[in-house]
């Protein structure tokens, strides 16, 4: 059996790999990597929210009850939870790029399954399986983007990539508003299968993360991957690279789940889990239910219900863009505190004065979504920064 040395067996080589990554300027290769992975994340967001713009049609068509609608929404996110855990473990064992490809193939194939679903139960099954891939792609993609970026300016670099997720949500609203009434709900899921073609580009252009390879003791592969990135960077900039940065990397043994709850990381883990839970409880609790609520509670037309849902997505995109352009300057914690306070204020106002009209719901929910969107993308940046490379994908 082939055995790989631990990074701790050769700390100087790990320091060299990390130092060479830290000297790399942002180049067209980094942009290409961000575009390829970002496109997958775009469709991940599109597929995650597609159900919100399909349910206003399916609810009366299949005579769905409120519990059935709730279950249809919930199973997708339950799948995402399981997928994030399972694919995180796979990414730590088998690498970032390979695991991303598996996740993309899973959620695109299940999107086709959703398109051909013949009844409630079949769609429920396909949505659950699709959730596994959707939940696996986004965090592993964020880890990869974080690991190919140097520490200086990483916040802006990563969050500009993360902007593609809310853009995907907006696209789901834009296309859903036209596709569902004119072509039918099946086409929303067929569109979501497009990123299967990205697998070819992932295999050709994206090397495995040199940081991950080095922490696994696979220094020859890390050297090959990093040399490729360096050549592409020099080709793009037309100038030789500066000397490597002096860096002392972590040389600890590979992490396990138990480490996340050990004395060193327990507090960080609990804080991060609280942010993740709160952010996505608000984000998906609002956005996925809203079009159906506008349709069934306020009796808006299908077009108006989808239009209101789209407006909320656009406001959320504005929030994430504002955060991405200022987070390195203002800091992670101040932004998170502001986002929690802003979302809580808007939702408390809605609770106190009541959801009397659709316009009132639209204004207050969109305000809350402006701030909760900051949490939703900011946590992808913040989480990898709290842990060493050996533990980031767990």
Protein backbone atom coordinates (compact mmCIF):
# COMPACT_ATOMS: atom_id res chain seq x y z
CA UNK A 1 0.00 0.00 0.00
CA UNK A 2 1.28 3.48 -0.88
CA UNK A 3 1.70 5.59 2.25
CA UNK A 4 1.87 9.40 2.26
CA UNK A 5 4.02 11.21 4.76
CA UNK A 6 2.47 13.70 7.10
CA UNK A 7 3.23 17.37 6.49
CA UNK A 8 4.78 17.37 9.94
CA UNK A 9 7.49 15.00 8.66
CA UNK A 10 8.88 17.75 6.42
CA UNK A 11 7.89 21.17 7.77
CA UNK A 12 10.38 23.07 5.61
CA UNK A 13 8.73 21.83 2.42
CA UNK A 14 5.27 22.79 3.67
CA UNK A 15 6.55 26.26 4.59
CA UNK A 16 8.01 26.60 1.10
CA UNK A 17 4.73 25.61 -0.60
CA UNK A 18 2.70 28.07 1.49
CA UNK A 19 5.29 30.83 1.01
CA UNK A 20 5.17 30.40 -2.76
CA UNK A 21 1.37 30.60 -2.73
CA UNK A 22 1.51 33.78 -0.64
CA UNK A 23 3.72 35.53 -3.22
CA UNK A 24 1.34 34.93 -6.13
CA UNK A 25 -0.47 38.00 -7.48
CA UNK A 26 -4.04 37.62 -8.67
CA UNK A 27 -3.77 36.64 -12.33
CA UNK A 28 -6.00 35.58 -15.19
CA UNK A 29 -5.56 31.98 -14.02
CA UNK A 30 -7.11 32.90 -10.67
CA UNK A 31 -9.91 34.65 -12.52
CA UNK A 32 -10.51 31.58 -14.72
CA UNK A 33 -10.57 29.33 -11.65
CA UNK A 34 -13.02 31.68 -9.98
CA UNK A 35 -15.23 31.78 -13.09
CA UNK A 36 -15.31 27.99 -13.50
CA UNK A 37 -16.05 27.29 -9.86
CA UNK A 38 -18.30 30.32 -9.67
CA UNK A 39 -20.41 29.02 -12.54
CA UNK A 40 -20.94 25.76 -10.66
CA UNK A 41 -21.89 27.75 -7.56
CA UNK A 42 -24.21 29.94 -9.65
CA UNK A 43 -26.19 26.87 -10.71
CA UNK A 44 -26.00 25.46 -7.19
CA UNK A 45 -27.87 28.56 -6.01
CA UNK A 46 -30.21 28.41 -9.00
CA UNK A 47 -31.11 24.79 -8.29
CA UNK A 48 -31.51 25.40 -4.56
CA UNK A 49 -34.07 28.15 -5.14
CA UNK A 50 -35.79 26.75 -8.24
CA UNK A 51 -38.30 24.93 -6.06
CA UNK A 52 -39.54 28.28 -4.70
CA UNK A 53 -40.66 29.35 -8.17
CA UNK A 54 -42.08 25.93 -9.05
CA UNK A 55 -44.22 25.39 -5.95
CA UNK A 56 -46.75 28.16 -6.72
CA UNK A 57 -47.68 26.08 -9.80
CA UNK A 58 -47.36 22.62 -8.28
CA UNK A 59 -49.34 23.42 -5.12
CA UNK A 60 -52.70 23.79 -6.92
CA UNK A 61 -51.77 21.35 -9.70
CA UNK A 62 -51.03 18.47 -7.33
CA UNK A 63 -53.37 19.79 -4.59
CA UNK A 64 -50.56 19.98 -2.05
CA UNK A 65 -51.22 20.74 1.59
CA UNK A 66 -49.10 23.13 3.65
CA UNK A 67 -47.28 20.24 5.40
CA UNK A 68 -46.49 18.68 2.02
CA UNK A 69 -45.10 21.96 0.74
CA UNK A 70 -43.04 22.34 3.90
CA UNK A 71 -41.66 18.82 3.55
CA UNK A 72 -40.77 19.42 -0.10
CA UNK A 73 -38.80 22.49 0.90
CA UNK A 74 -37.21 20.87 3.94
CA UNK A 75 -35.90 17.68 2.34
CA UNK A 76 -33.72 19.66 -0.05
CA UNK A 77 -32.02 21.43 2.82
CA UNK A 78 -31.79 18.26 4.88
CA UNK A 79 -29.99 16.77 1.90
CA UNK A 80 -27.70 19.79 1.81
CA UNK A 81 -26.82 19.32 5.47
CA UNK A 82 -25.94 15.66 4.95
CA UNK A 83 -24.15 16.49 1.70
CA UNK A 84 -22.02 19.18 3.32
CA UNK A 85 -20.90 16.73 6.01
CA UNK A 86 -20.34 13.80 3.65
CA UNK A 87 -18.58 15.73 0.90
CA UNK A 88 -16.52 17.61 3.46
CA UNK A 89 -15.18 14.29 4.69
CA UNK A 90 -14.56 13.17 1.10
CA UNK A 91 -12.73 16.40 0.28
CA UNK A 92 -10.44 15.91 3.23
CA UNK A 93 -9.67 12.35 2.11
CA UNK A 94 -9.66 12.60 -1.68
CA UNK A 95 -9.05 16.26 -2.50
CA UNK A 96 -11.01 19.39 -3.28
CA UNK A 97 -11.30 19.24 -7.08
CA UNK A 98 -12.28 15.59 -7.34
CA UNK A 99 -14.93 16.03 -4.66
CA UNK A 100 -16.34 19.15 -6.33
CA UNK A 101 -16.73 17.20 -9.56
CA UNK A 102 -18.62 14.43 -7.78
CA UNK A 103 -20.94 16.99 -6.17
CA UNK A 104 -21.63 18.78 -9.47
CA UNK A 105 -22.41 15.53 -11.26
CA UNK A 106 -24.78 14.51 -8.48
CA UNK A 107 -26.83 17.70 -8.29
CA UNK A 108 -27.04 18.13 -12.08
CA UNK A 109 -28.18 14.55 -12.67
CA UNK A 110 -30.78 14.89 -9.93
CA UNK A 111 -31.95 18.16 -11.49
CA UNK A 112 -32.83 16.16 -14.59
CA UNK A 113 -34.62 13.72 -12.30
CA UNK A 114 -36.66 16.60 -10.85
CA UNK A 115 -37.59 17.71 -14.37
CA UNK A 116 -39.06 14.30 -15.21
CA UNK A 117 -40.73 13.78 -11.82
CA UNK A 118 -44.22 12.35 -12.31
CA UNK A 119 -45.75 13.02 -8.89
CA UNK A 120 -45.12 14.47 -5.46
CA UNK A 121 -43.20 11.48 -4.08
CA UNK A 122 -40.85 11.19 -7.05
CA UNK A 123 -40.02 14.91 -6.90
CA UNK A 124 -39.48 14.58 -3.15
CA UNK A 125 -36.96 11.77 -3.70
CA UNK A 126 -35.06 13.59 -6.45
CA UNK A 127 -34.95 16.82 -4.42
CA UNK A 128 -33.50 14.96 -1.45
CA UNK A 129 -30.72 13.42 -3.54
CA UNK A 130 -30.11 16.71 -5.34
CA UNK A 131 -29.64 18.36 -1.96
CA UNK A 132 -26.67 16.08 -1.24
CA UNK A 133 -24.79 17.48 -4.22
CA UNK A 134 -25.91 21.06 -3.64
CA UNK A 135 -24.74 20.91 -0.04
CA UNK A 136 -21.42 19.38 -1.03
CA UNK A 137 -20.40 21.77 -3.81
CA UNK A 138 -20.62 25.18 -2.15
CA UNK A 139 -18.43 24.68 0.97
CA UNK A 140 -15.77 22.69 -0.90
CA UNK A 141 -15.67 25.32 -3.64
CA UNK A 142 -15.25 28.05 -1.01
CA UNK A 143 -12.41 26.12 0.62
CA UNK A 144 -10.63 25.69 -2.72
CA UNK A 145 -10.98 29.38 -3.62
CA UNK A 146 -9.68 30.32 -0.17
CA UNK A 147 -6.69 27.98 -0.47
CA UNK A 148 -5.49 29.31 -3.83
CA UNK A 149 -5.64 32.93 -2.61
CA UNK A 150 -2.96 34.60 -0.55
CA UNK A 151 -3.87 35.97 2.87
CA UNK A 152 -3.60 39.63 1.87
CA UNK A 153 -6.83 40.63 0.14
CA UNK A 154 -8.36 37.17 0.56
CA UNK A 155 -11.61 38.59 1.91
CA UNK A 156 -12.31 40.62 -1.21
CA UNK A 157 -11.12 37.82 -3.52
CA UNK A 158 -13.27 35.13 -1.90
CA UNK A 159 -16.38 37.26 -1.45
CA UNK A 160 -16.30 38.49 -5.03
CA UNK A 161 -16.44 34.80 -5.93
CA UNK A 162 -19.20 34.22 -3.38
CA UNK A 163 -21.27 36.97 -5.03
CA UNK A 164 -22.09 34.43 -7.70
CA UNK A 165 -24.36 32.60 -5.26
CA UNK A 166 -26.81 35.49 -4.73
CA UNK A 167 -26.54 36.22 -8.45
CA UNK A 168 -27.71 32.64 -9.00
CA UNK A 169 -30.62 33.29 -6.66
CA UNK A 170 -31.54 36.40 -8.64
CA UNK A 171 -31.26 34.46 -11.89
CA UNK A 172 -33.65 31.86 -10.50
CA UNK A 173 -36.10 34.67 -9.85
CA UNK A 174 -35.63 36.27 -13.26
CA UNK A 175 -35.92 33.04 -15.22
CA UNK A 176 -38.61 31.62 -12.96
CA UNK A 177 -40.81 34.65 -13.58
CA UNK A 178 -40.76 33.94 -17.33
CA UNK A 179 -39.99 30.22 -17.69
CA UNK A 180 -42.60 28.82 -15.30
CA UNK A 181 -45.66 30.63 -16.76
CA UNK A 182 -44.57 30.27 -20.41
CA UNK A 183 -42.60 27.01 -20.73
CA UNK A 184 -43.64 25.06 -17.67
CA UNK A 185 -42.07 24.15 -14.35
CA UNK A 186 -40.05 21.25 -15.79
CA UNK A 187 -37.75 23.65 -17.62
CA UNK A 188 -36.55 25.28 -14.40
CA UNK A 189 -34.96 21.98 -13.44
CA UNK A 190 -33.61 21.29 -16.93
CA UNK A 191 -31.79 24.62 -16.86
CA UNK A 192 -30.28 23.55 -13.56
CA UNK A 193 -28.56 20.60 -15.25
CA UNK A 194 -26.37 22.82 -17.47
CA UNK A 195 -23.27 22.81 -15.19
CA UNK A 196 -22.60 19.14 -15.97
CA UNK A 197 -20.45 20.45 -18.86
CA UNK A 198 -18.23 22.26 -16.33
CA UNK A 199 -16.69 18.97 -15.29
CA UNK A 200 -14.52 19.02 -18.42
CA UNK A 201 -13.11 22.46 -17.56
CA UNK A 202 -12.59 21.53 -13.93
CA UNK A 203 -10.49 18.54 -14.94
CA UNK A 204 -8.45 20.50 -17.51
CA UNK A 205 -7.83 23.82 -15.75
CA UNK A 206 -8.04 23.28 -11.98
CA UNK A 207 -5.12 21.50 -10.30
CA UNK A 208 -5.62 20.05 -6.87
CA UNK A 209 -5.11 22.50 -4.00
CA UNK A 210 -1.35 22.66 -3.32
CA UNK A 211 -2.04 23.52 0.31
CA UNK A 212 -4.14 20.39 0.77
CA UNK A 213 -1.62 18.18 -1.03
CA UNK A 214 1.22 19.53 1.10
CA UNK A 215 -0.65 19.00 4.36
CA UNK A 216 -1.23 15.39 3.28
CA UNK A 217 2.51 14.95 2.74
CA UNK A 218 2.08 14.64 -1.04
CA UNK A 219 4.84 17.13 -1.79
CA UNK A 220 5.65 15.98 -5.33
CA UNK A 221 2.02 16.48 -6.38
CA UNK A 222 1.86 19.79 -4.50
CA UNK A 223 5.00 20.93 -6.31
CA UNK A 224 3.53 19.97 -9.69
CA UNK A 225 0.21 21.70 -9.00
CA UNK A 226 1.86 24.86 -7.70
CA UNK A 227 4.38 24.97 -10.55
CA UNK A 228 1.48 24.90 -13.01
CA UNK A 229 -0.20 27.82 -11.22
CA UNK A 230 3.11 29.73 -11.13
CA UNK A 231 3.68 29.22 -14.86
CA UNK A 232 0.15 30.39 -15.65
CA UNK A 233 0.61 33.41 -13.39
CA UNK A 234 3.93 34.40 -14.98
CA UNK A 235 2.45 33.93 -18.43
CA UNK A 236 -0.47 36.18 -17.51
CA UNK A 237 1.55 38.93 -15.80
CA UNK A 238 4.54 38.83 -18.17
CA UNK A 239 6.90 39.26 -15.22
CA UNK A 240 8.89 36.93 -12.97
CA UNK A 241 7.38 36.14 -9.61
CA UNK A 242 8.75 37.82 -6.47
CA UNK A 243 10.70 35.73 -3.95
CA UNK A 244 8.58 33.44 -1.75
CA UNK A 245 7.09 34.95 1.39
CA UNK A 246 8.67 33.81 4.68
CA UNK A 247 5.89 31.71 6.21
CA UNK A 248 5.71 29.27 9.10
CA UNK A 249 2.76 26.98 8.36
CA UNK A 250 0.95 24.68 10.74
CA UNK A 251 2.58 21.24 10.84
CA UNK A 252 0.00 19.43 12.91
CA UNK A 253 -1.30 15.99 12.07
CA UNK A 254 -4.45 15.67 9.88
CA UNK A 255 -7.59 16.76 11.71
CA UNK A 256 -10.61 14.70 12.66
CA UNK A 257 -14.16 15.54 13.70
CA UNK A 258 -13.11 15.24 17.33
CA UNK A 259 -10.65 18.11 16.90
CA UNK A 260 -13.48 20.52 16.07
CA UNK A 261 -14.94 19.90 19.53
CA UNK A 262 -11.64 19.78 21.40
CA UNK A 263 -10.38 22.55 23.70
CA UNK A 264 -8.59 24.36 20.88
CA UNK A 265 -11.51 24.78 18.47
CA UNK A 266 -14.71 24.18 20.48
CA UNK A 267 -15.55 27.86 20.95
CA UNK A 268 -14.90 28.66 17.29
CA UNK A 269 -16.98 25.70 16.16
CA UNK A 270 -19.97 26.69 18.29
CA UNK A 271 -19.82 30.31 17.08
CA UNK A 272 -19.53 29.30 13.44
CA UNK A 273 -22.35 26.77 13.72
CA UNK A 274 -24.57 29.43 15.29
CA UNK A 275 -23.85 31.82 12.42
CA UNK A 276 -24.50 29.13 9.81
CA UNK A 277 -27.75 28.02 11.42
CA UNK A 278 -29.07 31.53 11.94
CA UNK A 279 -28.08 32.79 8.50
CA UNK A 280 -29.67 29.96 6.58
CA UNK A 281 -32.73 29.66 8.79
CA UNK A 282 -33.51 33.26 7.86
CA UNK A 283 -32.29 33.18 4.26
CA UNK A 284 -34.06 30.07 3.05
CA UNK A 285 -36.96 30.37 5.44
CA UNK A 286 -37.78 33.69 3.80
CA UNK A 287 -36.90 33.22 0.16
CA UNK A 288 -38.21 29.73 -0.52
CA UNK A 289 -41.60 30.28 1.10
CA UNK A 290 -42.25 33.83 -0.11
CA UNK A 291 -43.59 33.23 -3.65
CA UNK A 292 -45.99 30.58 -2.34
CA UNK A 293 -47.13 32.86 0.52
CA UNK A 294 -47.75 35.74 -1.89
CA UNK A 295 -49.76 33.38 -4.08
CA UNK A 296 -51.80 31.50 -1.47
CA UNK A 297 -52.15 33.98 1.41
CA UNK A 298 -52.31 37.31 -0.42
CA UNK A 299 -53.80 35.80 -3.61
CA UNK A 300 -51.44 37.63 -5.95
CA UNK A 301 -51.22 36.50 -9.56
CA UNK A 302 -48.46 34.03 -10.41
CA UNK A 303 -46.49 36.75 -12.22
CA UNK A 304 -46.76 39.21 -9.31
CA UNK A 305 -45.84 36.56 -6.73
CA UNK A 306 -42.71 35.67 -8.69
CA UNK A 307 -41.93 39.36 -9.25
CA UNK A 308 -42.03 40.08 -5.52
CA UNK A 309 -39.74 37.12 -4.87
CA UNK A 310 -37.33 38.47 -7.49
CA UNK A 311 -37.21 41.92 -5.86
CA UNK A 312 -36.15 40.37 -2.57
CA UNK A 313 -33.34 38.47 -4.32
CA UNK A 314 -32.06 41.67 -5.96
CA UNK A 315 -31.98 43.44 -2.59
CA UNK A 316 -30.02 40.50 -1.15
CA UNK A 317 -27.52 40.76 -3.99
CA UNK A 318 -27.01 44.45 -3.16
CA UNK A 319 -26.24 43.46 0.43
CA UNK A 320 -23.62 40.90 -0.55
CA UNK A 321 -21.96 43.30 -3.00
CA UNK A 322 -21.74 45.99 -0.32
CA UNK A 323 -20.15 43.50 2.06
CA UNK A 324 -17.69 42.11 -0.51
CA UNK A 325 -16.32 45.56 -1.32
CA UNK A 326 -15.81 46.58 2.30
CA UNK A 327 -15.20 43.49 4.45
CA UNK A 328 -11.39 43.66 4.31
CA UNK A 329 -11.54 47.29 5.45
CA UNK A 330 -14.28 47.02 8.09
CA UNK A 331 -13.52 43.50 9.31
CA UNK A 332 -15.50 40.27 9.65
CA UNK A 333 -16.91 40.69 13.14
CA UNK A 334 -18.28 44.25 12.71
CA UNK A 335 -20.05 43.18 9.52
CA UNK A 336 -21.56 40.11 11.19
CA UNK A 337 -22.77 42.18 14.16
CA UNK A 338 -24.36 44.75 11.84
CA UNK A 339 -25.98 42.03 9.73
CA UNK A 340 -27.50 40.23 12.71
CA UNK A 341 -28.82 43.51 14.14
CA UNK A 342 -30.26 44.70 10.82
CA UNK A 343 -32.03 41.42 10.02
CA UNK A 344 -33.40 41.10 13.55
CA UNK A 345 -34.73 44.67 13.53
CA UNK A 346 -36.60 44.22 10.24
CA UNK A 347 -38.10 40.86 11.23
CA UNK A 348 -39.11 42.10 14.69
CA UNK A 349 -40.83 45.06 13.03
CA UNK A 350 -42.75 42.66 10.77
CA UNK A 351 -43.76 40.57 13.78
CA UNK A 352 -44.89 43.58 15.83
CA UNK A 353 -46.90 45.43 13.17
CA UNK A 354 -48.09 42.31 11.37
CA UNK A 355 -48.05 41.14 7.76
CA UNK A 356 -51.11 43.10 6.75
CA UNK A 357 -50.28 43.76 3.11
CA UNK A 358 -47.96 42.16 0.55
CA UNK A 359 -46.10 45.48 0.14
CA UNK A 360 -45.33 45.60 3.87
CA UNK A 361 -44.05 42.03 3.75
CA UNK A 362 -41.98 42.83 0.67
CA UNK A 363 -40.30 45.89 2.21
CA UNK A 364 -39.49 44.40 5.62
CA UNK A 365 -38.51 40.96 4.38
CA UNK A 366 -36.30 42.47 1.68
CA UNK A 367 -34.62 44.64 4.31
CA UNK A 368 -33.98 41.58 6.46
CA UNK A 369 -32.69 39.70 3.42
CA UNK A 370 -30.23 42.53 2.64
CA UNK A 371 -28.53 41.82 5.96
CA UNK A 372 -28.99 38.04 6.13
CA UNK A 373 -27.36 37.71 2.70
CA UNK A 374 -24.22 39.23 4.20
CA UNK A 375 -24.17 36.43 6.77
CA UNK A 376 -24.86 33.78 4.14
CA UNK A 377 -21.81 34.59 2.04
CA UNK A 378 -19.58 36.01 4.77
CA UNK A 379 -19.62 32.76 6.69
CA UNK A 380 -18.02 30.97 3.72
CA UNK A 381 -15.06 33.32 4.02
CA UNK A 382 -14.91 33.39 7.80
CA UNK A 383 -15.13 29.65 8.47
CA UNK A 384 -11.97 28.53 6.57
CA UNK A 385 -9.99 31.35 8.20
CA UNK A 386 -10.75 29.97 11.67
CA UNK A 387 -9.22 26.55 11.00
CA UNK A 388 -5.95 25.25 9.52
CA UNK A 389 -5.90 23.68 6.05
CA UNK A 390 -5.93 20.18 7.54
CA UNK A 391 -9.40 20.82 9.04
CA UNK A 392 -11.11 23.20 6.62
CA UNK A 393 -13.19 20.75 4.60
CA UNK A 394 -14.42 18.63 7.52
